Amino acid sequence: MTELLSFSVLVVITIGLTEVCKKAFKMPKRFIPLTALILGLVINLIAGGITGLGLLTGIGIGLSAVGLFDVSKITIIGK
C-alpha cells in the first residue's frame, strides 16, 4: 500500500513540475511528454536510488503523469 501511495504522490509531483517547465520555458506541446518522462525518471531516481526497478518505475511515473494530464482534458460533448 505504501508503494502505491508513494507512486501516486510522485505522479502528482511530476505533473506539477511538468506544468512549471511548460510555463517557465514556453515549451511546445510536443515536448511535454518527453519532459514528463525525464522528470519522472529523475524524481524517482532521487527518491529511490539507481536500480533497474527504479528506472522502470520512473518511466511508469512519467507516462502516468502524461496520461493523467491528458485524461483530465477530455470532455464528452453530446452524450
Protein backbone atom coordinates (compact mmCIF):
# COMPACT_ATOMS: atom_id res chain seq x y z
CA MET A 1 0.00 0.00 0.00
CA THR A 2 2.82 2.40 0.79
CA GLU A 3 4.41 1.85 -2.62
CA LEU A 4 1.14 2.72 -4.35
CA LEU A 5 0.78 5.87 -2.27
CA SER A 6 4.34 7.00 -2.96
CA PHE A 7 3.88 6.23 -6.67
CA SER A 8 0.77 8.39 -6.83
CA VAL A 9 2.47 11.22 -4.94
CA LEU A 10 5.40 11.12 -7.36
CA VAL A 11 2.97 11.21 -10.31
CA VAL A 12 1.31 14.34 -8.89
CA ILE A 13 4.70 15.98 -8.30
CA THR A 14 5.72 15.12 -11.86
CA ILE A 15 2.54 16.68 -13.25
CA GLY A 16 3.19 19.86 -11.28
CA LEU A 17 6.83 20.15 -12.31
CA THR A 18 5.92 19.48 -15.94
CA GLU A 19 3.43 22.34 -15.81
CA VAL A 20 6.06 24.60 -14.25
CA CYS A 21 8.55 23.71 -17.00
CA LYS A 22 5.90 24.22 -19.68
CA LYS A 23 5.06 27.71 -18.48
CA ALA A 24 8.58 28.79 -17.48
CA PHE A 25 10.28 27.71 -20.71
CA LYS A 26 7.27 28.21 -23.05
CA MET A 27 7.70 24.69 -24.38
CA PRO A 28 5.85 23.45 -27.45
CA LYS A 29 3.18 20.83 -26.66
CA ARG A 30 5.09 18.09 -28.46
CA PHE A 31 7.90 18.18 -25.84
CA ILE A 32 5.64 17.86 -22.78
CA PRO A 33 5.52 14.01 -22.76
CA LEU A 34 9.30 13.80 -23.06
CA THR A 35 9.70 16.35 -20.26
CA ALA A 36 7.33 14.39 -18.01
CA LEU A 37 9.19 11.17 -18.75
CA ILE A 38 12.56 12.71 -17.90
CA LEU A 39 11.19 14.36 -14.75
CA GLY A 40 9.59 11.08 -13.66
CA LEU A 41 12.90 9.27 -14.08
CA VAL A 42 14.90 11.92 -12.24
CA ILE A 43 12.42 12.25 -9.37
CA ASN A 44 12.23 8.50 -8.86
CA LEU A 45 15.98 8.04 -9.06
CA ILE A 46 16.42 10.73 -6.41
CA ALA A 47 13.70 9.23 -4.21
CA GLY A 48 14.51 5.54 -4.66
CA GLY A 49 18.07 5.22 -5.87
CA ILE A 50 19.55 3.95 -9.10
CA THR A 51 18.28 0.42 -9.71
CA GLY A 52 16.69 -1.42 -12.61
CA LEU A 53 13.33 -1.35 -10.88
CA GLY A 54 13.85 2.35 -10.14
CA LEU A 55 14.32 3.08 -13.84
CA LEU A 56 11.16 1.20 -14.78
CA THR A 57 9.19 2.87 -12.01
CA GLY A 58 10.45 6.28 -13.14
CA ILE A 59 9.30 5.57 -16.68
CA GLY A 60 5.93 4.50 -15.29
CA ILE A 61 5.67 7.70 -13.26
CA GLY A 62 6.42 9.89 -16.28
CA LEU A 63 3.99 8.06 -18.55
CA SER A 64 1.30 8.05 -15.87
CA ALA A 65 1.72 11.80 -15.40
CA VAL A 66 1.24 12.44 -19.10
CA GLY A 67 -1.75 10.08 -19.33
CA LEU A 68 -3.44 11.50 -16.25
CA PHE A 69 -2.99 15.04 -17.53
CA ASP A 70 -4.41 14.12 -20.96
CA VAL A 71 -7.41 12.33 -19.46
CA SER A 72 -8.25 15.40 -17.40
CA LYS A 73 -8.62 17.45 -20.61
CA ILE A 74 -11.03 15.05 -22.33
CA THR A 75 -14.68 16.07 -22.29
CA ILE A 76 -17.62 14.22 -23.77
CA ILE A 77 -19.91 16.51 -25.73
CA GLY A 78 -23.39 15.47 -26.74
CA LYS A 79 -23.69 12.27 -24.69
